[in-house]
N, C-alpha and C. Protein backbone atom coordinates (compact mmCIF):
# COMPACT_ATOMS: atom_id res chain seq x y z
N UNK A 1 49.84 101.32 161.08
CA UNK A 1 50.56 101.59 160.44
C UNK A 1 50.43 102.50 158.91
N UNK A 2 50.95 103.83 158.55
CA UNK A 2 50.32 104.29 157.37
C UNK A 2 50.91 103.76 156.19
N UNK A 3 49.80 104.00 155.54
CA UNK A 3 50.13 103.69 154.22
C UNK A 3 50.78 104.66 153.09
N UNK A 4 51.62 103.94 152.49
CA UNK A 4 52.36 105.13 151.64
C UNK A 4 51.51 104.60 150.13
N UNK A 5 51.43 105.99 149.76
CA UNK A 5 50.64 105.91 148.40
C UNK A 5 51.77 106.40 147.59
N UNK A 6 52.10 105.52 146.17
CA UNK A 6 53.05 106.12 145.21
C UNK A 6 52.55 107.76 144.67
N UNK A 7 53.91 108.36 144.57
CA UNK A 7 53.35 109.92 144.03
C UNK A 7 53.40 109.55 142.68
N UNK A 8 52.51 110.66 142.62
CA UNK A 8 51.82 110.53 141.08
C UNK A 8 52.37 112.09 140.36
N UNK A 9 52.95 111.73 139.12
CA UNK A 9 53.24 113.07 138.34
C UNK A 9 52.02 113.30 137.31
N UNK A 10 52.53 114.67 136.83
CA UNK A 10 51.61 115.06 136.05
C UNK A 10 52.52 115.56 134.90
N UNK A 11 51.94 115.14 133.92
CA UNK A 11 52.81 114.98 132.51
C UNK A 11 52.55 116.71 131.98
N UNK A 12 53.58 117.57 131.78
CA UNK A 12 53.38 118.74 131.22
C UNK A 12 54.19 118.88 129.87
N UNK A 13 53.25 119.49 128.72
CA UNK A 13 53.74 119.38 127.51
C UNK A 13 54.45 120.75 127.52
N UNK A 14 55.78 120.73 127.11
CA UNK A 14 56.53 122.37 126.92
C UNK A 14 55.99 122.70 125.64
N UNK A 15 55.66 123.91 125.88
CA UNK A 15 55.09 124.72 124.73
C UNK A 15 56.51 125.16 123.94
N UNK A 16 56.32 125.55 122.64
CA UNK A 16 57.51 126.06 121.98
C UNK A 16 58.20 127.43 122.41
N UNK A 17 57.17 128.28 123.16
CA UNK A 17 57.55 129.25 123.66
C UNK A 17 58.45 128.92 124.83
N UNK A 18 58.09 128.14 125.91
CA UNK A 18 58.83 127.59 126.74
C UNK A 18 60.27 127.04 126.61
N UNK A 19 60.14 125.84 125.54
CA UNK A 19 61.58 125.54 125.07
C UNK A 19 62.42 126.76 124.47
N UNK A 20 61.90 127.47 123.94
CA UNK A 20 62.50 128.69 123.45
C UNK A 20 63.22 129.57 124.52
N UNK A 21 62.45 129.68 125.55
CA UNK A 21 62.77 130.58 126.74
C UNK A 21 63.87 129.63 127.36
N UNK A 22 63.73 128.66 127.61
CA UNK A 22 64.42 127.89 128.37
C UNK A 22 65.98 127.80 127.86
N UNK A 23 66.06 127.57 126.53
CA UNK A 23 67.34 127.33 125.65
C UNK A 23 67.94 128.57 125.67
N UNK A 24 67.34 129.69 125.46
CA UNK A 24 67.80 131.13 125.76
C UNK A 24 68.38 131.47 126.95
N UNK A 25 67.80 131.26 128.07
CA UNK A 25 68.18 130.96 129.54
C UNK A 25 69.49 130.29 129.96
N UNK A 26 69.26 129.02 129.10
CA UNK A 26 70.55 128.11 129.30
C UNK A 26 72.00 128.61 128.55
N UNK A 27 71.54 129.04 127.79
CA UNK A 27 72.71 130.03 126.64
C UNK A 27 73.52 131.13 127.59
N UNK A 28 72.46 131.82 127.71
CA UNK A 28 72.77 133.18 128.57
C UNK A 28 73.64 132.66 129.72
N UNK A 29 73.25 131.79 130.70
CA UNK A 29 73.87 131.29 131.83
C UNK A 29 75.07 130.87 131.25
N UNK A 30 75.27 129.94 130.48
CA UNK A 30 76.51 129.18 129.98
C UNK A 30 77.69 130.18 129.54
N UNK A 31 77.10 131.41 128.87
CA UNK A 31 77.87 132.61 128.73
C UNK A 31 78.65 133.40 129.93
N UNK A 32 77.83 133.68 130.94
CA UNK A 32 77.96 134.18 131.71
C UNK A 32 78.98 133.61 132.85
N UNK A 33 78.64 132.11 132.98
CA UNK A 33 79.88 131.28 133.65
C UNK A 33 81.08 131.21 132.93
N UNK A 34 80.89 131.20 131.66
CA UNK A 34 82.20 130.92 130.81
C UNK A 34 82.96 132.22 131.09
N UNK A 35 82.37 133.42 130.88
CA UNK A 35 82.97 134.48 131.01
C UNK A 35 83.90 134.77 132.16
N UNK A 36 83.07 134.52 133.34
CA UNK A 36 83.62 134.46 134.59
C UNK A 36 84.89 133.58 134.76
N UNK A 37 84.65 132.26 134.47
CA UNK A 37 86.23 131.56 134.30
C UNK A 37 86.99 131.81 133.55
N UNK A 38 86.90 132.70 132.51
CA UNK A 38 87.73 132.62 131.63
C UNK A 38 88.57 134.00 132.52
N UNK A 39 88.10 134.93 132.68
CA UNK A 39 88.74 136.37 133.29
C UNK A 39 89.10 136.22 134.72
N UNK A 40 89.95 135.41 135.36
CA UNK A 40 90.58 135.31 136.67
C UNK A 40 91.53 136.70 136.49
N UNK A 41 91.29 137.52 137.27
CA UNK A 41 92.35 138.36 137.79
C UNK A 41 93.82 138.23 138.05
N UNK A 42 93.94 137.19 138.89
CA UNK A 42 95.08 136.76 139.55
C UNK A 42 95.88 136.01 138.25
N UNK A 43 95.20 135.47 137.49
CA UNK A 43 95.63 134.53 136.30
C UNK A 43 96.12 135.69 135.66
N UNK A 44 95.54 136.72 134.93
CA UNK A 44 96.08 137.84 134.41
C UNK A 44 97.25 138.39 134.62
N UNK A 45 97.12 138.90 135.90
CA UNK A 45 98.08 139.61 136.33
C UNK A 45 99.28 138.70 136.26
N UNK A 46 99.56 137.45 136.62
CA UNK A 46 100.55 136.66 136.51
C UNK A 46 101.08 136.50 135.28
N UNK A 47 100.33 136.25 134.22
CA UNK A 47 100.80 136.27 132.96
C UNK A 47 101.00 137.25 132.07
N UNK A 48 100.77 138.71 132.69
CA UNK A 48 101.03 139.63 131.79
C UNK A 48 102.64 140.15 131.47
N UNK A 49 103.12 139.53 132.64
CA UNK A 49 104.74 140.01 132.71
C UNK A 49 105.21 138.85 131.67
N UNK A 50 105.13 137.75 131.41
CA UNK A 50 105.54 136.79 130.80
C UNK A 50 105.08 136.48 129.56
N UNK A 51 103.72 137.51 128.96
CA UNK A 51 103.19 137.32 127.65
C UNK A 51 103.81 137.14 126.39
N UNK A 52 104.78 137.90 126.34
CA UNK A 52 105.70 138.07 125.02
C UNK A 52 106.26 136.66 124.91
N UNK A 53 107.10 136.14 125.74
CA UNK A 53 107.86 134.82 126.08
C UNK A 53 106.96 133.89 125.71
N UNK A 54 105.78 133.77 126.44
CA UNK A 54 104.88 132.68 126.12
C UNK A 54 104.04 132.79 124.78
N UNK A 55 103.91 134.03 124.12
CA UNK A 55 103.74 133.88 122.99
C UNK A 55 104.51 133.52 121.69
N UNK A 56 105.82 133.80 121.98
CA UNK A 56 106.78 133.18 121.19
C UNK A 56 106.85 131.99 121.23
N UNK A 57 106.62 130.88 122.34
CA UNK A 57 106.74 129.66 122.30
C UNK A 57 105.45 129.23 121.55
N UNK A 58 104.24 129.78 121.48
CA UNK A 58 103.20 129.20 120.73
C UNK A 58 103.39 129.48 119.21
N UNK A 59 103.95 130.51 118.88
CA UNK A 59 104.42 130.64 117.40
C UNK A 59 104.27 131.86 117.24
N UNK A 60 104.90 132.48 115.95
CA UNK A 60 105.47 133.94 115.57
C UNK A 60 104.12 134.78 115.64
N UNK A 61 102.88 134.24 115.41
CA UNK A 61 101.75 135.24 115.60
C UNK A 61 100.87 135.10 116.70
N UNK A 62 100.91 134.28 117.62
CA UNK A 62 100.16 134.13 118.96
C UNK A 62 99.83 135.28 119.31
N UNK A 63 100.64 136.50 119.56
CA UNK A 63 100.14 137.56 119.85
C UNK A 63 98.78 138.45 119.15
N UNK A 64 99.03 138.12 117.67
CA UNK A 64 98.11 138.42 117.03
C UNK A 64 96.73 137.75 117.26
N UNK A 65 96.56 136.67 117.31
CA UNK A 65 95.77 135.48 117.66
C UNK A 65 95.05 136.03 119.06
N UNK A 66 95.95 135.86 119.96
CA UNK A 66 95.10 136.90 121.26
C UNK A 66 94.30 138.12 120.89
N UNK A 67 95.04 138.97 120.04
CA UNK A 67 94.08 140.19 119.70
C UNK A 67 92.96 139.97 119.05
N UNK A 68 92.92 138.78 117.97
CA UNK A 68 91.58 138.23 117.39
C UNK A 68 90.70 137.88 118.53
N UNK A 69 91.14 137.40 119.55
CA UNK A 69 90.37 136.68 120.37
C UNK A 69 89.55 138.18 121.18
N UNK A 70 90.27 138.81 121.56
CA UNK A 70 90.04 140.03 122.06
C UNK A 70 88.87 140.80 121.39
N UNK A 71 88.93 140.93 119.94
CA UNK A 71 88.04 141.56 119.30
C UNK A 71 87.00 140.77 119.26
N UNK A 72 87.24 139.50 118.76
CA UNK A 72 85.75 138.60 119.17
C UNK A 72 85.03 138.88 120.30
N UNK A 73 85.57 138.82 121.40
CA UNK A 73 85.07 138.87 122.81
C UNK A 73 84.07 140.09 122.74
N UNK A 74 84.95 141.46 122.54
CA UNK A 74 84.03 142.31 122.26
C UNK A 74 82.81 142.40 121.85
N UNK A 75 82.59 141.46 120.94
CA UNK A 75 81.37 141.55 119.81
C UNK A 75 80.00 140.68 120.58
N UNK A 76 80.60 140.08 121.55
CA UNK A 76 79.49 139.58 122.55
C UNK A 76 78.20 140.25 122.42
N UNK A 77 76.92 139.53 122.55
CA UNK A 77 75.90 140.29 122.28
C UNK A 77 75.11 140.61 121.03
N UNK A 78 76.16 140.79 120.05
CA UNK A 78 75.79 141.25 118.67
C UNK A 78 74.76 140.09 118.07
N UNK A 79 74.10 140.48 117.31
CA UNK A 79 72.86 139.39 116.48
C UNK A 79 73.62 138.59 115.41
N UNK A 80 73.00 137.70 115.26
CA UNK A 80 73.41 136.58 114.19
C UNK A 80 72.84 137.13 112.82
N UNK A 81 73.40 137.61 111.79
CA UNK A 81 72.62 137.76 110.75
C UNK A 81 73.23 137.02 109.50
N UNK A 82 72.53 136.25 108.49
CA UNK A 82 73.31 135.60 107.79
C UNK A 82 74.02 136.60 106.69
N UNK A 83 74.79 136.16 106.35
CA UNK A 83 76.01 136.91 105.65
C UNK A 83 76.64 138.04 106.06
N UNK A 84 76.32 138.20 107.50
CA UNK A 84 77.00 139.41 107.85
C UNK A 84 78.57 139.48 108.55
N UNK A 85 79.06 140.42 108.32
CA UNK A 85 80.47 140.47 108.84
C UNK A 85 80.93 141.60 109.78
N UNK A 86 79.85 142.36 110.09
CA UNK A 86 80.22 143.44 111.09
C UNK A 86 80.06 144.63 110.68
N UNK A 87 80.16 145.67 111.55
CA UNK A 87 80.36 145.41 112.96
C UNK A 87 79.22 145.46 113.90
N UNK A 88 78.33 145.58 113.30
CA UNK A 88 76.72 145.27 114.13
C UNK A 88 76.29 144.09 114.15
N UNK A 89 76.37 143.25 113.50
CA UNK A 89 75.76 141.61 113.22
C UNK A 89 76.66 140.89 112.84
N UNK A 90 76.64 139.43 112.86
CA UNK A 90 77.67 138.63 112.45
C UNK A 90 77.05 137.31 111.91
N UNK A 91 77.48 136.50 111.15
CA UNK A 91 77.40 135.14 110.80
C UNK A 91 78.50 134.45 111.54
N UNK A 92 78.74 133.33 111.69
CA UNK A 92 79.62 132.31 112.30
C UNK A 92 81.01 132.87 111.86
N UNK A 93 81.33 132.73 110.31
CA UNK A 93 82.51 133.18 109.66
C UNK A 93 82.90 134.76 109.77
N UNK A 94 81.84 135.50 109.18
CA UNK A 94 82.01 136.74 109.70
C UNK A 94 82.68 137.02 110.76
N UNK A 95 81.95 136.47 112.16
CA UNK A 95 82.78 136.91 113.12
C UNK A 95 84.29 136.37 113.09
N UNK A 96 84.68 135.65 112.93
CA UNK A 96 85.97 134.90 112.77
C UNK A 96 86.81 135.91 111.83
N UNK A 97 86.23 136.03 110.58
CA UNK A 97 87.41 137.08 109.82
C UNK A 97 87.21 138.36 110.16
N UNK A 98 85.96 138.75 110.60
CA UNK A 98 86.25 140.17 111.30
C UNK A 98 87.29 140.51 112.47
N UNK A 99 87.14 139.24 113.28
CA UNK A 99 88.16 139.41 114.59
C UNK A 99 89.68 139.22 113.93
N UNK A 100 90.02 138.12 112.98
CA UNK A 100 91.32 138.21 112.52
C UNK A 100 91.81 139.03 111.70
N UNK A 101 91.06 139.75 110.64
CA UNK A 101 91.24 140.88 109.98
C UNK A 101 91.86 142.12 110.96
N UNK A 102 91.19 142.33 112.10
CA UNK A 102 91.41 143.65 112.86
C UNK A 102 92.46 142.95 113.65
N UNK A 103 93.20 141.83 113.64
CA UNK A 103 94.27 141.61 114.42
C UNK A 103 95.56 141.53 113.36
N UNK A 104 95.35 141.67 112.08
CA UNK A 104 96.17 141.91 110.86
C UNK A 104 96.38 140.51 110.41
N UNK A 105 95.54 139.63 110.34
CA UNK A 105 95.46 138.57 109.38
C UNK A 105 94.59 139.21 108.08
N UNK A 106 95.08 139.83 107.44
CA UNK A 106 94.67 140.18 106.17
C UNK A 106 94.34 139.25 105.16
N UNK A 107 94.87 138.16 104.91
CA UNK A 107 94.53 137.11 104.01
C UNK A 107 93.67 136.02 104.58
N UNK A 108 92.77 136.32 105.59
CA UNK A 108 91.94 135.22 106.43
C UNK A 108 90.88 135.37 105.53
N UNK A 109 90.40 133.90 104.95
CA UNK A 109 88.99 133.83 104.04
C UNK A 109 87.85 134.50 104.89
N UNK A 110 86.72 134.30 103.86
CA UNK A 110 85.32 134.98 104.64
C UNK A 110 84.66 133.66 105.03
N UNK A 111 84.67 132.49 104.32
CA UNK A 111 83.49 131.24 104.82
C UNK A 111 84.50 130.57 105.64
N UNK A 112 83.57 129.57 106.34
CA UNK A 112 84.11 128.70 107.21
C UNK A 112 85.22 127.71 106.52
N UNK A 113 84.34 127.10 105.48
CA UNK A 113 85.05 126.14 104.87
C UNK A 113 86.45 126.59 104.25
N UNK A 114 86.68 127.65 103.57
CA UNK A 114 87.84 128.52 103.39
C UNK A 114 88.98 128.69 104.62
N UNK A 115 88.07 128.96 105.83
CA UNK A 115 89.21 129.32 106.98
C UNK A 115 89.80 127.71 107.34
N UNK A 116 88.85 126.98 107.19
CA UNK A 116 89.38 125.73 107.28
C UNK A 116 90.72 125.27 106.65
N UNK A 117 90.44 125.40 105.31
CA UNK A 117 91.87 125.12 104.40
C UNK A 117 93.07 126.24 104.72
N UNK A 118 92.42 127.63 105.48
CA UNK A 118 93.51 128.59 105.55
C UNK A 118 94.37 127.99 106.74
N UNK A 119 93.81 127.66 107.92
CA UNK A 119 94.48 127.35 109.01
C UNK A 119 94.99 126.16 109.13
N UNK A 120 96.25 126.17 110.07
CA UNK A 120 96.86 124.80 110.15
C UNK A 120 96.36 123.95 111.03
N UNK A 121 95.92 122.81 110.77
CA UNK A 121 95.50 121.77 111.77
C UNK A 121 96.09 121.52 112.73
N UNK A 122 95.64 121.33 114.07
CA UNK A 122 96.21 120.84 114.73
C UNK A 122 95.78 119.77 116.00
N UNK A 123 96.35 119.17 116.92
CA UNK A 123 95.40 118.36 117.84
C UNK A 123 94.89 119.03 118.81
N UNK A 124 93.67 118.27 119.16
CA UNK A 124 92.70 118.98 120.37
C UNK A 124 93.67 119.22 121.43
N UNK A 125 94.64 118.34 121.61
CA UNK A 125 95.67 118.46 122.75
C UNK A 125 96.71 119.97 122.86
N UNK A 126 96.56 120.50 121.40
CA UNK A 126 97.42 121.54 121.41
C UNK A 126 96.83 122.76 121.39
N UNK A 127 95.28 122.99 121.52
CA UNK A 127 94.89 123.87 121.22
C UNK A 127 94.79 125.13 122.49
N UNK A 128 95.02 126.58 122.14
CA UNK A 128 95.05 127.42 123.12
C UNK A 128 93.78 128.41 122.63
N UNK A 129 93.67 129.37 123.61
CA UNK A 129 92.64 130.28 123.31
C UNK A 129 92.75 131.06 122.23
N UNK A 130 91.80 131.54 121.78
CA UNK A 130 91.83 132.04 120.41
C UNK A 130 92.00 131.23 118.70
N UNK A 131 92.57 129.96 118.91
CA UNK A 131 92.41 129.08 117.77
C UNK A 131 90.97 128.77 117.37
N UNK A 132 90.67 128.53 116.45
CA UNK A 132 89.74 128.15 115.27
C UNK A 132 89.12 126.70 115.80
N UNK A 133 87.63 126.58 115.74
CA UNK A 133 87.15 125.48 116.05
C UNK A 133 86.07 125.25 114.93
N UNK A 134 86.54 124.33 113.87
CA UNK A 134 85.67 124.28 112.93
C UNK A 134 84.57 122.69 112.99
N UNK A 135 83.26 122.75 112.61
CA UNK A 135 82.35 121.84 112.73
C UNK A 135 81.99 121.16 111.79
N UNK A 136 81.95 119.80 111.29
CA UNK A 136 81.66 118.96 110.53
C UNK A 136 80.84 118.22 110.38
N UNK A 137 79.92 118.07 109.24
CA UNK A 137 78.69 117.19 109.22
C UNK A 137 78.85 115.76 107.96
N UNK A 138 79.96 115.59 107.51
CA UNK A 138 80.18 114.46 107.11
C UNK A 138 80.60 115.18 105.68
N UNK A 139 79.43 116.19 105.28
CA UNK A 139 79.77 116.92 104.01
C UNK A 139 80.80 118.11 103.67
N UNK A 140 81.74 118.29 104.52
CA UNK A 140 82.36 119.55 105.34
C UNK A 140 82.18 120.26 106.41
N UNK A 141 82.97 121.38 106.34
CA UNK A 141 82.73 122.52 107.66
C UNK A 141 81.34 123.03 107.06
N UNK A 142 80.81 123.35 108.48
CA UNK A 142 79.62 124.03 108.07
C UNK A 142 79.35 124.99 109.42
N UNK A 143 80.37 125.32 109.96
CA UNK A 143 80.50 126.25 111.09
C UNK A 143 81.64 126.45 111.92
N UNK A 144 82.16 127.88 112.26
CA UNK A 144 83.46 127.92 113.04
C UNK A 144 83.22 128.90 114.12
N UNK A 145 83.83 128.92 114.80
CA UNK A 145 84.06 129.61 116.12
C UNK A 145 85.43 129.65 116.69
N UNK A 146 85.45 130.70 117.86
CA UNK A 146 86.89 130.23 118.31
C UNK A 146 86.88 129.91 119.69
N UNK A 147 87.99 129.02 119.89
CA UNK A 147 88.27 128.34 121.34
C UNK A 147 88.42 129.27 122.39
N UNK A 148 87.47 129.45 123.40
CA UNK A 148 87.59 130.15 124.50
C UNK A 148 88.03 129.32 125.60
N UNK A 149 88.45 128.31 125.65
CA UNK A 149 89.28 127.69 126.96
C UNK A 149 88.27 126.89 127.46
N UNK A 150 88.28 126.39 128.70
CA UNK A 150 87.40 125.31 129.22
C UNK A 150 87.09 125.61 130.67
N UNK A 151 86.03 124.92 130.82
CA UNK A 151 85.25 125.08 132.21
C UNK A 151 84.76 123.81 132.75
N UNK A 152 85.58 123.40 133.74
CA UNK A 152 84.83 122.01 134.32
C UNK A 152 84.98 121.02 133.61
N UNK A 153 86.14 120.88 132.55
CA UNK A 153 86.32 119.76 131.49
C UNK A 153 85.93 120.06 130.49
N UNK A 154 84.66 121.00 130.24
CA UNK A 154 84.12 121.06 129.20
C UNK A 154 84.77 122.48 128.31
N UNK A 155 85.23 122.07 126.59
CA UNK A 155 85.72 123.25 125.95
C UNK A 155 84.70 124.00 125.59
N UNK A 156 85.21 125.14 125.60
CA UNK A 156 84.04 126.67 125.16
C UNK A 156 84.52 127.01 123.98
N UNK A 157 83.40 127.22 123.00
CA UNK A 157 83.18 128.04 121.69
C UNK A 157 82.89 129.36 121.87
N UNK A 158 83.50 130.42 121.46
CA UNK A 158 82.96 131.83 121.19
C UNK A 158 82.37 131.76 119.49
N UNK A 159 80.93 131.96 119.75
CA UNK A 159 80.76 132.15 118.04
C UNK A 159 79.02 132.67 117.85
N UNK A 160 78.90 132.96 116.76
CA UNK A 160 77.72 133.68 116.46
C UNK A 160 76.95 132.10 115.78
N UNK A 161 76.03 131.70 116.41
CA UNK A 161 75.63 130.22 116.11
C UNK A 161 74.54 130.54 115.29
N UNK A 162 73.23 130.94 114.99
CA UNK A 162 72.32 130.78 114.37
C UNK A 162 71.18 131.74 114.23
N UNK A 163 70.30 132.13 113.57
CA UNK A 163 69.61 133.11 113.42
C UNK A 163 68.65 133.02 114.97
N UNK A 164 68.28 134.30 115.31
CA UNK A 164 67.69 134.62 116.58
C UNK A 164 68.52 134.20 117.89
N UNK A 165 69.86 134.35 117.45
CA UNK A 165 71.00 134.17 118.76
C UNK A 165 71.91 135.34 118.25
N UNK A 166 72.75 135.63 119.55
CA UNK A 166 73.61 136.27 119.82
C UNK A 166 74.94 135.98 119.71
N UNK A 167 76.12 136.70 119.29
CA UNK A 167 77.42 136.16 119.80
C UNK A 167 77.32 135.71 121.05
N UNK A 168 77.99 134.63 121.70
CA UNK A 168 78.20 133.98 122.75
C UNK A 168 79.19 133.01 122.71
N UNK A 169 79.56 132.68 124.27
CA UNK A 169 80.28 131.64 124.76
C UNK A 169 79.65 130.55 124.94
N UNK A 170 79.60 129.29 124.40
CA UNK A 170 78.91 127.91 125.25
C UNK A 170 80.11 127.04 125.11
N UNK A 171 79.60 125.53 125.81
CA UNK A 171 79.98 124.56 125.96
C UNK A 171 80.04 123.83 124.48
N UNK A 172 80.98 123.20 123.98
CA UNK A 172 80.62 122.54 122.67
C UNK A 172 79.52 121.27 123.05
N UNK A 173 78.93 121.31 122.16
CA UNK A 173 77.72 120.44 121.84
C UNK A 173 77.93 119.24 121.03
N UNK A 174 78.86 119.02 120.18
CA UNK A 174 79.12 117.85 119.53
C UNK A 174 80.63 117.42 119.34
N UNK A 175 80.91 115.89 119.33
CA UNK A 175 82.44 115.69 118.94
C UNK A 175 82.73 115.89 117.42
N UNK A 176 82.10 116.27 116.77
CA UNK A 176 82.25 116.53 115.35
C UNK A 176 82.64 117.75 114.91
N UNK A 177 84.01 118.02 115.28
CA UNK A 177 84.86 119.30 115.42
C UNK A 177 86.20 119.07 115.06
N UNK A 178 87.00 120.09 114.18
CA UNK A 178 88.64 119.96 114.52
C UNK A 178 89.35 121.35 114.58
N UNK A 179 90.14 121.34 115.35
CA UNK A 179 90.66 122.56 115.51
C UNK A 179 91.63 123.22 114.68
N UNK A 180 92.08 124.26 114.53
CA UNK A 180 92.81 125.09 113.65
C UNK A 180 93.62 126.18 114.27
N UNK A 181 94.31 126.42 113.90
CA UNK A 181 95.27 127.50 114.22
C UNK A 181 95.83 128.30 113.26
N UNK A 182 95.82 130.16 113.58
CA UNK A 182 96.92 130.81 112.65
C UNK A 182 98.13 131.50 113.22
N UNK A 183 98.49 130.84 114.55
CA UNK A 183 99.22 131.13 115.19
C UNK A 183 100.94 131.16 114.73
N UNK A 184 100.89 130.29 113.69
CA UNK A 184 102.32 129.91 112.92
C UNK A 184 102.39 130.76 111.88
N UNK A 185 101.56 131.79 111.42
CA UNK A 185 101.44 132.64 110.31
C UNK A 185 102.53 133.90 110.30
């Protein structure tokens, strides 16, 4: 009768470099998957005919919000730089103000906290692509991004996250956020 020996595992301590590389790879993969899920050719063709009617039902500025999302998507891959508002680098609110200004929202404020006061707060169930996601820490709003839809039941945010990162799409990592919209402006 053979003797079964327990499997032994070797403890491996990840290095900082390994951890950073793994996080970067996961972030890149999440962005690629999100982009693939959001751009379905058949869905785009089906909605193109009814776009004006659909936007009218969402609010008078829904077409401009969609344009802001297109502008923000075009910034993917650009680096995060604190205080930057484009066109070559962005911080979180720099990305959102840049996108919405280019879509015709001239009064869009520059900072995440001011944008949170400017936007109409909506319920999570009423979010549409291009709406804003405001992240809170108990002391106020500290980060903002654009709602990029959902994939496999996870909401996605397009944002300029922090130094060392680039503008990309990723699943939400916290439940401490609230949505806002400019579709009714």
